[in-house]
Amino acid sequence: MGRSKKQPLEILPPSTQRLDALITELRLSRAEFGKSIGLSESGVGHIFSRQKAVPTIWAFAIEAQYQISSKWLLEGKGPKEKSQKLTELQRLKLRLSADFKPELIWEIFEELLRSQWLRRVRFGTDPIGNDFEIYSREVFRLTSSTQWLKKYHQRVRNFEELLLQTKQAFLLAANDTPLDSDDQLLLFSILLDAVEVTDEMLSPETLVYAQQLASEEGVKEYLAKLKSFADLRYKIADFFKPPLELKKEYVTAINQERREQEEDRINHSREGRQLLSLSPFLKLTEREEVVEDRKRHEIFRKKIEIAQWQSRFEEG
């Protein structure tokens, strides 16, 4: 795919000029480049057509993907290329920010959390997936029941409160955490991956700041801050997980619709009319996951074959 129409370089902000040169150097179209960091072509073209500077969060994504310094891209300072010999801690930093001010780190994390494509590209998963909303809306469409939609909207309101509490807990812990330490690695792991902390992880012998504290009370307070933040962050990970009862109602409602559609498709086949596709039946696994019911769909296919045979038999 070709490039979108370019703006004259002289009217673009310096960071956007550097981005344009980088895309050219990589021999990628804007669409290809955007896709590599999780953007659409229109998303990349937006900053060129509107003559906007490169967003900070783009720079961090580019740094992680291409080892191009975010500081060079944003400010034109320092070496262009980052060292590819990255420690685990450095890789975690690249997913956040080169500036270790806790407020900025949280701002970037929250932007990641609220953007669906960023959640998947940067986290490799969707920590606040929208299955709860999808299931609730489908149950409402098929049954007219508003019960789950009301619960979903209440959960959205509660999520904002939880996010604020988690932010405050993060800032309290981050302000005490030394840079380039096991403490910071643990803090970033909690923030990015919602790890459940163990007593071993919170051992005063492994945490730099805990070793610097003179009083036992001070150590307990520091560890309590980390534990409080970890507990709140873990709640975010499963906050929008659909309850089992909602999953059951969703699967039941969808399958009822599928059965009605199935009967319609079978009648079409008996009458020799064009066969329309049928979306999959669903089922709940032992792990309470909603998945396609392939066996049930195979039964549908066999019913269609019989209906088609009947149509040909009656015609003959």
C-alpha atoms as a PDB file:
ATOM      1  CA  MET A   1       0.000   0.000   0.000  1.00  0.00           C
ATOM      2  CA  GLY A   2       1.301   3.451  -0.848  1.00  0.00           C
ATOM      3  CA  ARG A   3       1.797   6.352   1.495  1.00  0.00           C
ATOM      4  CA  SER A   4      -0.863   8.874   2.315  1.00  0.00           C
ATOM      5  CA  LYS A   5      -0.353  12.290   0.778  1.00  0.00           C
ATOM      6  CA  LYS A   6       2.549  13.972   2.547  1.00  0.00           C
ATOM      7  CA  GLN A   7       2.592  17.372   4.146  1.00  0.00           C
ATOM      8  CA  PRO A   8       5.636  19.538   3.278  1.00  0.00           C
ATOM      9  CA  LEU A   9       8.275  18.666   5.864  1.00  0.00           C
ATOM     10  CA  GLU A  10       9.016  22.268   6.772  1.00  0.00           C
ATOM     11  CA  ILE A  11       5.543  22.766   8.281  1.00  0.00           C
ATOM     12  CA  LEU A  12       5.681  19.628  10.408  1.00  0.00           C
ATOM     13  CA  PRO A  13       6.902  19.661  14.042  1.00  0.00           C
ATOM     14  CA  PRO A  14      10.514  18.437  14.400  1.00  0.00           C
ATOM     15  CA  SER A  15       9.490  15.149  16.054  1.00  0.00           C
ATOM     16  CA  THR A  16       7.083  14.409  13.211  1.00  0.00           C
ATOM     17  CA  GLN A  17       9.828  15.188  10.670  1.00  0.00           C
ATOM     18  CA  ARG A  18      12.061  12.670  12.445  1.00  0.00           C
ATOM     19  CA  LEU A  19       9.233  10.111  12.412  1.00  0.00           C
ATOM     20  CA  ASP A  20       8.745  10.622   8.670  1.00  0.00           C
ATOM     21  CA  ALA A  21      12.471  10.084   8.081  1.00  0.00           C
ATOM     22  CA  LEU A  22      12.395   6.946  10.255  1.00  0.00           C
ATOM     23  CA  ILE A  23       9.478   5.438   8.336  1.00  0.00           C
ATOM     24  CA  THR A  24      11.337   6.133   5.070  1.00  0.00           C
ATOM     25  CA  GLU A  25      14.520   4.604   6.474  1.00  0.00           C
ATOM     26  CA  LEU A  26      12.625   1.477   7.496  1.00  0.00           C
ATOM     27  CA  ARG A  27      11.202   1.257   3.948  1.00  0.00           C
ATOM     28  CA  LEU A  28       7.672   0.919   5.259  1.00  0.00           C
ATOM     29  CA  SER A  29       4.444   2.567   4.237  1.00  0.00           C
ATOM     30  CA  ARG A  30       2.683   4.555   6.930  1.00  0.00           C
ATOM     31  CA  ALA A  31       0.060   1.813   7.085  1.00  0.00           C
ATOM     32  CA  GLU A  32       2.705  -0.885   7.597  1.00  0.00           C
ATOM     33  CA  PHE A  33       4.532   1.183  10.197  1.00  0.00           C
ATOM     34  CA  GLY A  34       1.319   1.971  12.066  1.00  0.00           C
ATOM     35  CA  LYS A  35       0.321  -1.677  12.140  1.00  0.00           C
ATOM     36  CA  SER A  36       3.690  -2.624  13.633  1.00  0.00           C
ATOM     37  CA  ILE A  37       2.982  -0.508  16.726  1.00  0.00           C
ATOM     38  CA  GLY A  38      -0.763  -1.156  16.813  1.00  0.00           C
ATOM     39  CA  LEU A  39      -2.058   1.878  14.883  1.00  0.00           C
ATOM     40  CA  SER A  40      -4.282   2.115  11.827  1.00  0.00           C
ATOM     41  CA  GLU A  41      -3.127   4.005   8.722  1.00  0.00           C
ATOM     42  CA  SER A  42      -5.489   6.838   9.580  1.00  0.00           C
ATOM     43  CA  GLY A  43      -3.984   6.937  13.065  1.00  0.00           C
ATOM     44  CA  VAL A  44      -0.496   7.509  11.680  1.00  0.00           C
ATOM     45  CA  GLY A  45      -1.699   9.911   8.995  1.00  0.00           C
ATOM     46  CA  HIS A  46      -3.511  12.002  11.602  1.00  0.00           C
ATOM     47  CA  ILE A  47      -0.390  13.638  13.026  1.00  0.00           C
ATOM     48  CA  PHE A  48       0.908  14.418   9.525  1.00  0.00           C
ATOM     49  CA  SER A  49      -2.329  15.867   8.157  1.00  0.00           C
ATOM     50  CA  ARG A  50      -2.943  17.907  11.310  1.00  0.00           C
ATOM     51  CA  GLN A  51       0.717  18.805  11.734  1.00  0.00           C
ATOM     52  CA  LYS A  52       0.871  17.376  15.268  1.00  0.00           C
ATOM     53  CA  ALA A  53       3.946  16.381  17.243  1.00  0.00           C
ATOM     54  CA  VAL A  54       4.613  12.704  17.891  1.00  0.00           C
ATOM     55  CA  PRO A  55       2.632  11.654  21.016  1.00  0.00           C
ATOM     56  CA  THR A  56       4.806  10.542  23.910  1.00  0.00           C
ATOM     57  CA  ILE A  57       3.148   7.150  24.105  1.00  0.00           C
ATOM     58  CA  TRP A  58       3.923   6.523  20.403  1.00  0.00           C
ATOM     59  CA  ALA A  59       7.571   7.249  21.071  1.00  0.00           C
ATOM     60  CA  PHE A  60       7.731   4.610  23.814  1.00  0.00           C
ATOM     61  CA  ALA A  61       5.995   2.058  21.579  1.00  0.00           C
ATOM     62  CA  ILE A  62       8.469   2.830  18.765  1.00  0.00           C
ATOM     63  CA  GLU A  63      11.374   2.558  21.197  1.00  0.00           C
ATOM     64  CA  ALA A  64      10.209  -0.891  22.320  1.00  0.00           C
ATOM     65  CA  GLN A  65       9.525  -2.073  18.763  1.00  0.00           C
ATOM     66  CA  TYR A  66      12.489  -0.620  16.855  1.00  0.00           C
ATOM     67  CA  GLN A  67      15.055   0.295  19.576  1.00  0.00           C
ATOM     68  CA  ILE A  68      14.866   3.942  18.459  1.00  0.00           C
ATOM     69  CA  SER A  69      15.423   6.297  21.394  1.00  0.00           C
ATOM     70  CA  SER A  70      12.213   8.013  22.476  1.00  0.00           C
ATOM     71  CA  LYS A  71      14.285  10.970  23.671  1.00  0.00           C
ATOM     72  CA  TRP A  72      15.840  11.327  20.217  1.00  0.00           C
ATOM     73  CA  LEU A  73      12.469  11.013  18.503  1.00  0.00           C
ATOM     74  CA  LEU A  74      10.709  13.499  20.766  1.00  0.00           C
ATOM     75  CA  GLU A  75      13.493  16.003  21.426  1.00  0.00           C
ATOM     76  CA  GLY A  76      16.267  15.265  18.939  1.00  0.00           C
ATOM     77  CA  LYS A  77      18.663  14.692  21.830  1.00  0.00           C
ATOM     78  CA  GLY A  78      21.071  11.849  22.481  1.00  0.00           C
ATOM     79  CA  PRO A  79      21.839   8.827  20.300  1.00  0.00           C
ATOM     80  CA  LYS A  80      19.203   7.737  17.841  1.00  0.00           C
ATOM     81  CA  GLU A  81      19.451   4.004  18.507  1.00  0.00           C
ATOM     82  CA  LYS A  82      19.032   2.270  21.836  1.00  0.00           C
ATOM     83  CA  SER A  83      21.241  -0.606  22.878  1.00  0.00           C
ATOM     84  CA  GLN A  84      19.582  -3.937  22.102  1.00  0.00           C
ATOM     85  CA  LYS A  85      21.229  -5.546  25.115  1.00  0.00           C
ATOM     86  CA  LEU A  86      18.364  -4.812  27.464  1.00  0.00           C
ATOM     87  CA  THR A  87      17.954  -6.103  30.978  1.00  0.00           C
ATOM     88  CA  GLU A  88      14.550  -7.250  32.193  1.00  0.00           C
ATOM     89  CA  LEU A  89      14.206  -4.014  34.140  1.00  0.00           C
ATOM     90  CA  GLN A  90      15.046  -1.925  31.062  1.00  0.00           C
ATOM     91  CA  ARG A  91      12.448  -3.769  28.990  1.00  0.00           C
ATOM     92  CA  LEU A  92       9.854  -2.969  31.615  1.00  0.00           C
ATOM     93  CA  LYS A  93      10.922   0.667  31.532  1.00  0.00           C
ATOM     94  CA  LEU A  94      10.491   0.797  27.766  1.00  0.00           C
ATOM     95  CA  ARG A  95       6.889  -0.265  28.192  1.00  0.00           C
ATOM     96  CA  LEU A  96       6.378   2.776  30.389  1.00  0.00           C
ATOM     97  CA  SER A  97       8.573   5.827  30.258  1.00  0.00           C
ATOM     98  CA  ALA A  98      12.146   7.009  30.243  1.00  0.00           C
ATOM     99  CA  ASP A  99      11.123   9.639  32.808  1.00  0.00           C
ATOM    100  CA  PHE A 100      10.726   8.055  36.219  1.00  0.00           C
ATOM    101  CA  LYS A 101       8.393  10.616  37.714  1.00  0.00           C
ATOM    102  CA  PRO A 102       5.618   8.462  39.209  1.00  0.00           C
ATOM    103  CA  GLU A 103       2.880  10.814  37.976  1.00  0.00           C
ATOM    104  CA  LEU A 104       4.028  10.465  34.354  1.00  0.00           C
ATOM    105  CA  ILE A 105       4.407   6.696  34.637  1.00  0.00           C
ATOM    106  CA  TRP A 106       0.833   6.432  35.912  1.00  0.00           C
ATOM    107  CA  GLU A 107      -0.460   8.763  33.206  1.00  0.00           C
ATOM    108  CA  ILE A 108       1.076   6.550  30.514  1.00  0.00           C
ATOM    109  CA  PHE A 109      -0.168   3.358  32.194  1.00  0.00           C
ATOM    110  CA  GLU A 110      -3.704   4.705  32.354  1.00  0.00           C
ATOM    111  CA  GLU A 111      -3.541   5.665  28.691  1.00  0.00           C
ATOM    112  CA  LEU A 112      -2.448   2.119  27.912  1.00  0.00           C
ATOM    113  CA  LEU A 113      -5.255   0.740  30.033  1.00  0.00           C
ATOM    114  CA  ARG A 114      -7.988   2.757  28.338  1.00  0.00           C
ATOM    115  CA  SER A 115      -6.899   2.027  24.761  1.00  0.00           C
ATOM    116  CA  GLN A 116      -7.973  -1.418  23.521  1.00  0.00           C
ATOM    117  CA  TRP A 117      -5.260  -1.798  20.850  1.00  0.00           C
ATOM    118  CA  LEU A 118      -2.575  -0.599  23.264  1.00  0.00           C
ATOM    119  CA  ARG A 119      -3.740  -3.051  25.910  1.00  0.00           C
ATOM    120  CA  ARG A 120      -3.255  -5.932  23.517  1.00  0.00           C
ATOM    121  CA  VAL A 121      -0.066  -4.687  21.815  1.00  0.00           C
ATOM    122  CA  ARG A 122       1.793  -3.608  24.939  1.00  0.00           C
ATOM    123  CA  PHE A 123       0.360  -6.039  27.510  1.00  0.00           C
ATOM    124  CA  GLY A 124      -0.225  -8.970  25.179  1.00  0.00           C
ATOM    125  CA  THR A 125      -3.729  -9.281  26.648  1.00  0.00           C
ATOM    126  CA  ASP A 126      -6.750  -7.190  27.440  1.00  0.00           C
ATOM    127  CA  PRO A 127      -6.801  -6.555  31.217  1.00  0.00           C
ATOM    128  CA  ILE A 128     -10.148  -4.771  31.080  1.00  0.00           C
ATOM    129  CA  GLY A 129     -11.761  -6.722  28.270  1.00  0.00           C
ATOM    130  CA  ASN A 130     -15.292  -5.930  27.207  1.00  0.00           C
ATOM    131  CA  ASP A 131     -16.881  -9.400  27.441  1.00  0.00           C
ATOM    132  CA  PHE A 132     -19.064  -8.217  30.321  1.00  0.00           C
ATOM    133  CA  GLU A 133     -20.477  -5.447  28.132  1.00  0.00           C
ATOM    134  CA  ILE A 134     -20.887  -7.704  25.065  1.00  0.00           C
ATOM    135  CA  TYR A 135     -22.673 -10.443  27.006  1.00  0.00           C
ATOM    136  CA  SER A 136     -24.910  -7.928  28.783  1.00  0.00           C
ATOM    137  CA  ARG A 137     -25.960  -6.221  25.544  1.00  0.00           C
ATOM    138  CA  GLU A 138     -26.644  -9.528  23.815  1.00  0.00           C
ATOM    139  CA  VAL A 139     -28.772 -10.775  26.723  1.00  0.00           C
ATOM    140  CA  PHE A 140     -30.722  -7.504  26.560  1.00  0.00           C
ATOM    141  CA  ARG A 141     -31.169  -7.792  22.783  1.00  0.00           C
ATOM    142  CA  LEU A 142     -32.407 -11.345  22.971  1.00  0.00           C
ATOM    143  CA  THR A 143     -34.426 -11.309  26.209  1.00  0.00           C
ATOM    144  CA  SER A 144     -35.159  -7.585  26.868  1.00  0.00           C
ATOM    145  CA  SER A 145     -33.769  -8.051  30.379  1.00  0.00           C
ATOM    146  CA  THR A 146     -31.872  -4.992  31.618  1.00  0.00           C
ATOM    147  CA  GLN A 147     -30.502  -6.686  34.750  1.00  0.00           C
ATOM    148  CA  TRP A 148     -26.979  -7.259  33.476  1.00  0.00           C
ATOM    149  CA  LEU A 149     -26.686  -3.972  31.599  1.00  0.00           C
ATOM    150  CA  LYS A 150     -27.490  -2.116  34.819  1.00  0.00           C
ATOM    151  CA  LYS A 151     -24.832  -4.133  36.643  1.00  0.00           C
ATOM    152  CA  TYR A 152     -22.327  -3.415  33.889  1.00  0.00           C
ATOM    153  CA  HIS A 153     -22.890   0.363  34.054  1.00  0.00           C
ATOM    154  CA  GLN A 154     -22.602   0.268  37.844  1.00  0.00           C
ATOM    155  CA  ARG A 155     -19.342  -1.612  37.463  1.00  0.00           C
ATOM    156  CA  VAL A 156     -18.041   1.061  35.090  1.00  0.00           C
ATOM    157  CA  ARG A 157     -18.721   3.695  37.748  1.00  0.00           C
ATOM    158  CA  ASN A 158     -17.055   1.572  40.412  1.00  0.00           C
ATOM    159  CA  PHE A 159     -14.056   1.031  38.150  1.00  0.00           C
ATOM    160  CA  GLU A 160     -13.301   4.756  38.076  1.00  0.00           C
ATOM    161  CA  GLU A 161     -13.227   4.766  41.878  1.00  0.00           C
ATOM    162  CA  LEU A 162     -10.953   1.712  41.935  1.00  0.00           C
ATOM    163  CA  LEU A 163      -8.626   3.298  39.389  1.00  0.00           C
ATOM    164  CA  LEU A 164      -8.272   6.416  41.540  1.00  0.00           C
ATOM    165  CA  GLN A 165      -7.526   4.332  44.646  1.00  0.00           C
ATOM    166  CA  THR A 166      -4.948   2.313  42.715  1.00  0.00           C
ATOM    167  CA  LYS A 167      -3.290   5.467  41.418  1.00  0.00           C
ATOM    168  CA  GLN A 168      -2.960   6.875  44.933  1.00  0.00           C
ATOM    169  CA  ALA A 169      -1.506   3.580  46.201  1.00  0.00           C
ATOM    170  CA  PHE A 170       0.953   3.467  43.287  1.00  0.00           C
ATOM    171  CA  LEU A 171       2.177   7.021  43.887  1.00  0.00           C
ATOM    172  CA  LEU A 172       2.699   6.321  47.600  1.00  0.00           C
ATOM    173  CA  ALA A 173       4.794   3.244  46.825  1.00  0.00           C
ATOM    174  CA  ALA A 174       6.613   4.715  43.814  1.00  0.00           C
ATOM    175  CA  ASN A 175       7.782   7.803  45.672  1.00  0.00           C
ATOM    176  CA  ASP A 176       9.715   5.556  48.070  1.00  0.00           C
ATOM    177  CA  THR A 177      11.077   3.173  45.432  1.00  0.00           C
ATOM    178  CA  PRO A 178      14.759   3.594  44.434  1.00  0.00           C
ATOM    179  CA  LEU A 179      15.570   3.699  40.711  1.00  0.00           C
ATOM    180  CA  ASP A 180      17.169   0.683  39.008  1.00  0.00           C
ATOM    181  CA  SER A 181      16.477  -1.606  41.954  1.00  0.00           C
ATOM    182  CA  ASP A 182      14.647  -4.846  42.686  1.00  0.00           C
ATOM    183  CA  ASP A 183      12.044  -2.644  44.343  1.00  0.00           C
ATOM    184  CA  GLN A 184      11.363  -0.849  41.075  1.00  0.00           C
ATOM    185  CA  LEU A 185      11.314  -4.101  39.094  1.00  0.00           C
ATOM    186  CA  LEU A 186       8.673  -5.452  41.479  1.00  0.00           C
ATOM    187  CA  LEU A 187       6.673  -2.221  41.308  1.00  0.00           C
ATOM    188  CA  PHE A 188       6.653  -2.241  37.489  1.00  0.00           C
ATOM    189  CA  SER A 189       5.777  -5.937  37.401  1.00  0.00           C
ATOM    190  CA  ILE A 190       2.771  -5.251  39.607  1.00  0.00           C
ATOM    191  CA  LEU A 191       1.732  -2.260  37.520  1.00  0.00           C
ATOM    192  CA  LEU A 192       2.114  -3.900  34.104  1.00  0.00           C
ATOM    193  CA  ASP A 193       1.286  -7.529  34.795  1.00  0.00           C
ATOM    194  CA  ALA A 194      -0.836  -7.439  37.969  1.00  0.00           C
ATOM    195  CA  VAL A 195       1.383 -10.051  39.616  1.00  0.00           C
ATOM    196  CA  GLU A 196       0.215 -11.423  42.936  1.00  0.00           C
ATOM    197  CA  VAL A 197       2.961 -10.617  45.417  1.00  0.00           C
ATOM    198  CA  THR A 198       4.201 -13.293  47.793  1.00  0.00           C
ATOM    199  CA  ASP A 199       5.899 -12.988  51.164  1.00  0.00           C
ATOM    200  CA  GLU A 200       9.162 -13.874  49.438  1.00  0.00           C
ATOM    201  CA  MET A 201       8.762 -10.961  47.000  1.00  0.00           C
ATOM    202  CA  LEU A 202       8.152  -8.618  49.938  1.00  0.00           C
ATOM    203  CA  SER A 203      11.144  -9.832  51.900  1.00  0.00           C
ATOM    204  CA  PRO A 204      13.047  -6.899  53.493  1.00  0.00           C
ATOM    205  CA  GLU A 205      16.275  -8.711  52.581  1.00  0.00           C
ATOM    206  CA  THR A 206      15.625  -8.313  48.837  1.00  0.00           C
ATOM    207  CA  LEU A 207      14.194  -4.783  48.767  1.00  0.00           C
ATOM    208  CA  VAL A 208      16.734  -1.974  48.719  1.00  0.00           C
ATOM    209  CA  TYR A 209      14.604   0.696  50.373  1.00  0.00           C
ATOM    210  CA  ALA A 210      13.580  -1.658  53.200  1.00  0.00           C
ATOM    211  CA  GLN A 211      17.261  -2.222  53.989  1.00  0.00           C
ATOM    212  CA  GLN A 212      17.815   1.535  54.205  1.00  0.00           C
ATOM    213  CA  LEU A 213      15.091   2.084  56.777  1.00  0.00           C
ATOM    214  CA  ALA A 214      16.260   2.350  60.362  1.00  0.00           C
ATOM    215  CA  SER A 215      13.095   1.229  62.157  1.00  0.00           C
ATOM    216  CA  GLU A 216      11.095  -1.973  61.939  1.00  0.00           C
ATOM    217  CA  GLU A 217       7.953   0.141  61.846  1.00  0.00           C
ATOM    218  CA  GLY A 218       9.248   1.954  58.775  1.00  0.00           C
ATOM    219  CA  VAL A 219       9.933  -1.340  57.000  1.00  0.00           C
ATOM    220  CA  LYS A 220       6.421  -2.596  57.755  1.00  0.00           C
ATOM    221  CA  GLU A 221       4.916   0.634  56.442  1.00  0.00           C
ATOM    222  CA  TYR A 222       6.910   0.416  53.185  1.00  0.00           C
ATOM    223  CA  LEU A 223       5.968  -3.236  52.599  1.00  0.00           C
ATOM    224  CA  ALA A 224       2.333  -2.426  53.403  1.00  0.00           C
ATOM    225  CA  LYS A 225       2.346   0.256  50.678  1.00  0.00           C
ATOM    226  CA  LEU A 226       3.587  -2.251  48.093  1.00  0.00           C
ATOM    227  CA  LYS A 227       1.073  -4.866  49.244  1.00  0.00           C
ATOM    228  CA  SER A 228      -1.815  -2.387  49.145  1.00  0.00           C
ATOM    229  CA  PHE A 229      -0.922  -1.324  45.620  1.00  0.00           C
ATOM    230  CA  ALA A 230      -0.572  -4.953  44.483  1.00  0.00           C
ATOM    231  CA  ASP A 231      -3.986  -5.888  45.909  1.00  0.00           C
ATOM    232  CA  LEU A 232      -5.711  -2.975  44.173  1.00  0.00           C
ATOM    233  CA  ARG A 233      -3.922  -3.582  40.864  1.00  0.00           C
ATOM    234  CA  TYR A 234      -4.932  -7.234  40.954  1.00  0.00           C
ATOM    235  CA  LYS A 235      -8.588  -6.208  41.325  1.00  0.00           C
ATOM    236  CA  ILE A 236      -8.321  -4.210  38.087  1.00  0.00           C
ATOM    237  CA  ALA A 237      -7.213  -7.304  36.194  1.00  0.00           C
ATOM    238  CA  ASP A 238     -10.455  -9.193  36.878  1.00  0.00           C
ATOM    239  CA  PHE A 239     -12.793  -6.283  37.476  1.00  0.00           C
ATOM    240  CA  PHE A 240     -14.775  -6.741  34.254  1.00  0.00           C
ATOM    241  CA  LYS A 241     -14.674 -10.528  34.262  1.00  0.00           C
ATOM    242  CA  PRO A 242     -18.235 -11.659  33.449  1.00  0.00           C
ATOM    243  CA  PRO A 243     -19.935 -13.554  36.311  1.00  0.00           C
ATOM    244  CA  LEU A 244     -20.766 -17.203  35.663  1.00  0.00           C
ATOM    245  CA  GLU A 245     -24.514 -16.515  35.796  1.00  0.00           C
ATOM    246  CA  LEU A 246     -24.150 -13.899  33.049  1.00  0.00           C
ATOM    247  CA  LYS A 247     -22.162 -16.345  30.916  1.00  0.00           C
ATOM    248  CA  LYS A 248     -24.889 -18.968  31.355  1.00  0.00           C
ATOM    249  CA  GLU A 249     -27.653 -16.534  30.376  1.00  0.00           C
ATOM    250  CA  TYR A 250     -25.620 -15.338  27.398  1.00  0.00           C
ATOM    251  CA  VAL A 251     -24.936 -18.865  26.117  1.00  0.00           C
ATOM    252  CA  THR A 252     -28.590 -19.888  26.634  1.00  0.00           C
ATOM    253  CA  ALA A 253     -29.916 -16.814  24.823  1.00  0.00           C
ATOM    254  CA  ILE A 254     -27.477 -17.141  21.919  1.00  0.00           C
ATOM    255  CA  ASN A 255     -28.169 -20.836  21.455  1.00  0.00           C
ATOM    256  CA  GLN A 256     -31.914 -20.242  21.478  1.00  0.00           C
ATOM    257  CA  GLU A 257     -31.433 -17.752  18.657  1.00  0.00           C
ATOM    258  CA  ARG A 258     -29.192 -20.229  16.836  1.00  0.00           C
ATOM    259  CA  ARG A 259     -31.851 -22.968  17.071  1.00  0.00           C
ATOM    260  CA  GLU A 260     -34.435 -20.665  15.516  1.00  0.00           C
ATOM    261  CA  GLN A 261     -31.992 -19.722  12.788  1.00  0.00           C
ATOM    262  CA  GLU A 262     -31.114 -23.393  12.300  1.00  0.00           C
ATOM    263  CA  GLU A 263     -34.763 -24.306  11.685  1.00  0.00           C
ATOM    264  CA  ASP A 264     -35.015 -21.502   9.156  1.00  0.00           C
ATOM    265  CA  ARG A 265     -31.863 -22.698   7.336  1.00  0.00           C
ATOM    266  CA  ILE A 266     -33.141 -26.278   7.245  1.00  0.00           C
ATOM    267  CA  ASN A 267     -36.468 -25.160   5.752  1.00  0.00           C
ATOM    268  CA  HIS A 268     -34.572 -23.189   3.104  1.00  0.00           C
ATOM    269  CA  SER A 269     -32.595 -26.310   2.204  1.00  0.00           C
ATOM    270  CA  ARG A 270     -35.735 -28.449   1.943  1.00  0.00           C
ATOM    271  CA  GLU A 271     -37.210 -25.879  -0.413  1.00  0.00           C
ATOM    272  CA  GLY A 272     -34.080 -25.839  -2.544  1.00  0.00           C
ATOM    273  CA  ARG A 273     -33.289 -22.225  -1.709  1.00  0.00           C
ATOM    274  CA  GLN A 274     -29.792 -20.790  -1.209  1.00  0.00           C
ATOM    275  CA  LEU A 275     -28.242 -21.845   2.085  1.00  0.00           C
ATOM    276  CA  LEU A 276     -27.413 -19.013   4.470  1.00  0.00           C
ATOM    277  CA  SER A 277     -24.536 -19.328   6.930  1.00  0.00           C
ATOM    278  CA  LEU A 278     -25.158 -19.897  10.620  1.00  0.00           C
ATOM    279  CA  SER A 279     -23.025 -18.395  13.369  1.00  0.00           C
ATOM    280  CA  PRO A 280     -21.614 -20.973  15.800  1.00  0.00           C
ATOM    281  CA  PHE A 281     -23.486 -22.416  18.752  1.00  0.00           C
ATOM    282  CA  LEU A 282     -21.772 -21.766  22.092  1.00  0.00           C
ATOM    283  CA  LYS A 283     -20.983 -23.734  25.224  1.00  0.00           C
ATOM    284  CA  LEU A 284     -19.358 -23.309  28.626  1.00  0.00           C
ATOM    285  CA  THR A 285     -16.243 -25.332  29.316  1.00  0.00           C
ATOM    286  CA  GLU A 286     -15.302 -26.861  32.663  1.00  0.00           C
ATOM    287  CA  ARG A 287     -13.076 -23.814  33.137  1.00  0.00           C
ATOM    288  CA  GLU A 288     -16.172 -21.613  32.711  1.00  0.00           C
ATOM    289  CA  GLU A 289     -14.982 -20.230  29.368  1.00  0.00           C
ATOM    290  CA  VAL A 290     -17.411 -19.368  26.574  1.00  0.00           C
ATOM    291  CA  VAL A 291     -16.304 -21.171  23.394  1.00  0.00           C
ATOM    292  CA  GLU A 292     -17.748 -22.344  20.097  1.00  0.00           C
ATOM    293  CA  ASP A 293     -19.653 -25.639  20.293  1.00  0.00           C
ATOM    294  CA  ARG A 294     -18.100 -27.349  17.275  1.00  0.00           C
ATOM    295  CA  LYS A 295     -19.899 -30.635  17.899  1.00  0.00           C
ATOM    296  CA  ARG A 296     -23.277 -28.874  17.873  1.00  0.00           C
ATOM    297  CA  HIS A 297     -22.345 -27.048  14.673  1.00  0.00           C
ATOM    298  CA  GLU A 298     -21.446 -30.373  13.055  1.00  0.00           C
ATOM    299  CA  ILE A 299     -24.937 -31.634  13.924  1.00  0.00           C
ATOM    300  CA  PHE A 300     -26.345 -28.586  12.127  1.00  0.00           C
ATOM    301  CA  ARG A 301     -24.307 -29.443   9.030  1.00  0.00           C
ATOM    302  CA  LYS A 302     -25.628 -33.013   9.061  1.00  0.00           C
ATOM    303  CA  LYS A 303     -29.199 -31.751   9.355  1.00  0.00           C
ATOM    304  CA  ILE A 304     -28.608 -29.529   6.332  1.00  0.00           C
ATOM    305  CA  GLU A 305     -27.241 -32.476   4.351  1.00  0.00           C
ATOM    306  CA  ILE A 306     -30.380 -34.488   5.182  1.00  0.00           C
ATOM    307  CA  ALA A 307     -32.628 -31.566   4.234  1.00  0.00           C
ATOM    308  CA  GLN A 308     -30.817 -31.166   0.916  1.00  0.00           C
ATOM    309  CA  TRP A 309     -31.105 -34.905   0.261  1.00  0.00           C
ATOM    310  CA  GLN A 310     -34.842 -34.708   1.004  1.00  0.00           C
ATOM    311  CA  SER A 311     -35.227 -31.799  -1.421  1.00  0.00           C
ATOM    312  CA  ARG A 312     -33.492 -33.733  -4.207  1.00  0.00           C
ATOM    313  CA  PHE A 313     -35.453 -36.918  -3.413  1.00  0.00           C
ATOM    314  CA  GLU A 314     -38.812 -35.136  -3.606  1.00  0.00           C
ATOM    315  CA  GLU A 315     -37.831 -33.426  -6.853  1.00  0.00           C
ATOM    316  CA  GLY A 316     -36.839 -36.788  -8.333  1.00  0.00           C
END
